[in-house]
Amino acid sequence: MEIQFTTRIFKEGRTFVAHALELDVSSCGGTKDRARRNLKEAVRLFLEEAEKMGTLEQILEEAGFA
């Protein structure tokens, strides 16, 4: 499954924080690019775990994807 989500990236000190707004998942990195890549991985893991727990459909619906 591939979904598109809005990403907000901001700097906190020397760290960049990337936030997937619709899913309320965040990650960080030393550069914008690293923070973005880490966020993609965090979202992938979040969705995989939601699928295992049986909550994926509900999460996607609440986020406006279904």
Protein backbone atom coordinates (compact mmCIF):
# COMPACT_ATOMS: atom_id res chain seq x y z
CA MET A 1 0.00 0.00 0.00
CA GLU A 2 1.24 3.47 -0.81
CA ILE A 3 -0.24 6.59 0.73
CA GLN A 4 0.71 10.22 0.43
CA PHE A 5 0.85 12.34 3.54
CA THR A 6 1.69 15.92 4.39
CA THR A 7 5.12 16.37 5.95
CA ARG A 8 6.10 19.31 8.11
CA ILE A 9 9.82 19.69 8.79
CA PHE A 10 11.17 22.07 11.39
CA LYS A 11 14.38 22.53 13.30
CA GLU A 12 14.77 22.06 17.05
CA GLY A 13 18.27 23.03 18.07
CA ARG A 14 20.59 21.18 15.72
CA THR A 15 18.04 18.46 14.89
CA PHE A 16 15.45 18.45 12.12
CA VAL A 17 12.05 17.02 13.03
CA ALA A 18 9.73 15.60 10.35
CA HIS A 19 6.04 15.16 11.19
CA ALA A 20 3.43 13.29 9.14
CA LEU A 21 0.44 15.48 9.94
CA GLU A 22 -2.42 13.13 9.01
CA LEU A 23 -0.96 10.20 10.98
CA ASP A 24 0.63 12.19 13.82
CA VAL A 25 3.91 10.29 13.43
CA SER A 26 7.26 12.03 13.82
CA SER A 27 10.94 11.27 13.40
CA CYS A 28 14.14 13.28 13.30
CA GLY A 29 17.59 13.52 11.79
CA GLY A 30 20.65 15.69 11.49
CA THR A 31 19.55 16.97 8.06
CA LYS A 32 16.18 17.62 6.43
CA ASP A 33 16.76 14.72 4.06
CA ARG A 34 17.67 12.32 6.87
CA ALA A 35 14.63 13.41 8.91
CA ARG A 36 12.38 12.84 5.88
CA ARG A 37 13.84 9.36 5.25
CA ASN A 38 13.53 8.46 8.93
CA LEU A 39 9.90 9.63 8.88
CA LYS A 40 9.09 7.39 5.92
CA GLU A 41 10.50 4.43 7.82
CA ALA A 42 8.59 5.39 10.98
CA VAL A 43 5.33 5.66 9.03
CA ARG A 44 5.97 2.28 7.38
CA LEU A 45 6.56 0.63 10.76
CA PHE A 46 3.55 2.40 12.28
CA LEU A 47 1.24 1.16 9.52
CA GLU A 48 2.65 -2.38 9.65
CA GLU A 49 2.05 -2.54 13.39
CA ALA A 50 -1.45 -1.11 13.01
CA GLU A 51 -2.20 -3.83 10.46
CA LYS A 52 -0.97 -6.52 12.87
CA MET A 53 -3.14 -5.07 15.62
CA GLY A 54 -6.19 -4.88 13.37
CA THR A 55 -6.51 -1.09 13.63
CA LEU A 56 -5.15 -0.07 10.21
CA GLU A 57 -8.54 0.57 8.59
CA GLN A 58 -9.68 2.72 11.52
CA ILE A 59 -6.44 4.74 11.52
CA LEU A 60 -6.59 5.34 7.76
CA GLU A 61 -10.25 6.33 7.97
CA GLU A 62 -9.62 8.79 10.81
CA ALA A 63 -6.68 10.24 8.87
CA GLY A 64 -8.91 10.79 5.82
CA PHE A 65 -7.42 8.08 3.58
CA ALA A 66 -10.37 5.69 3.43
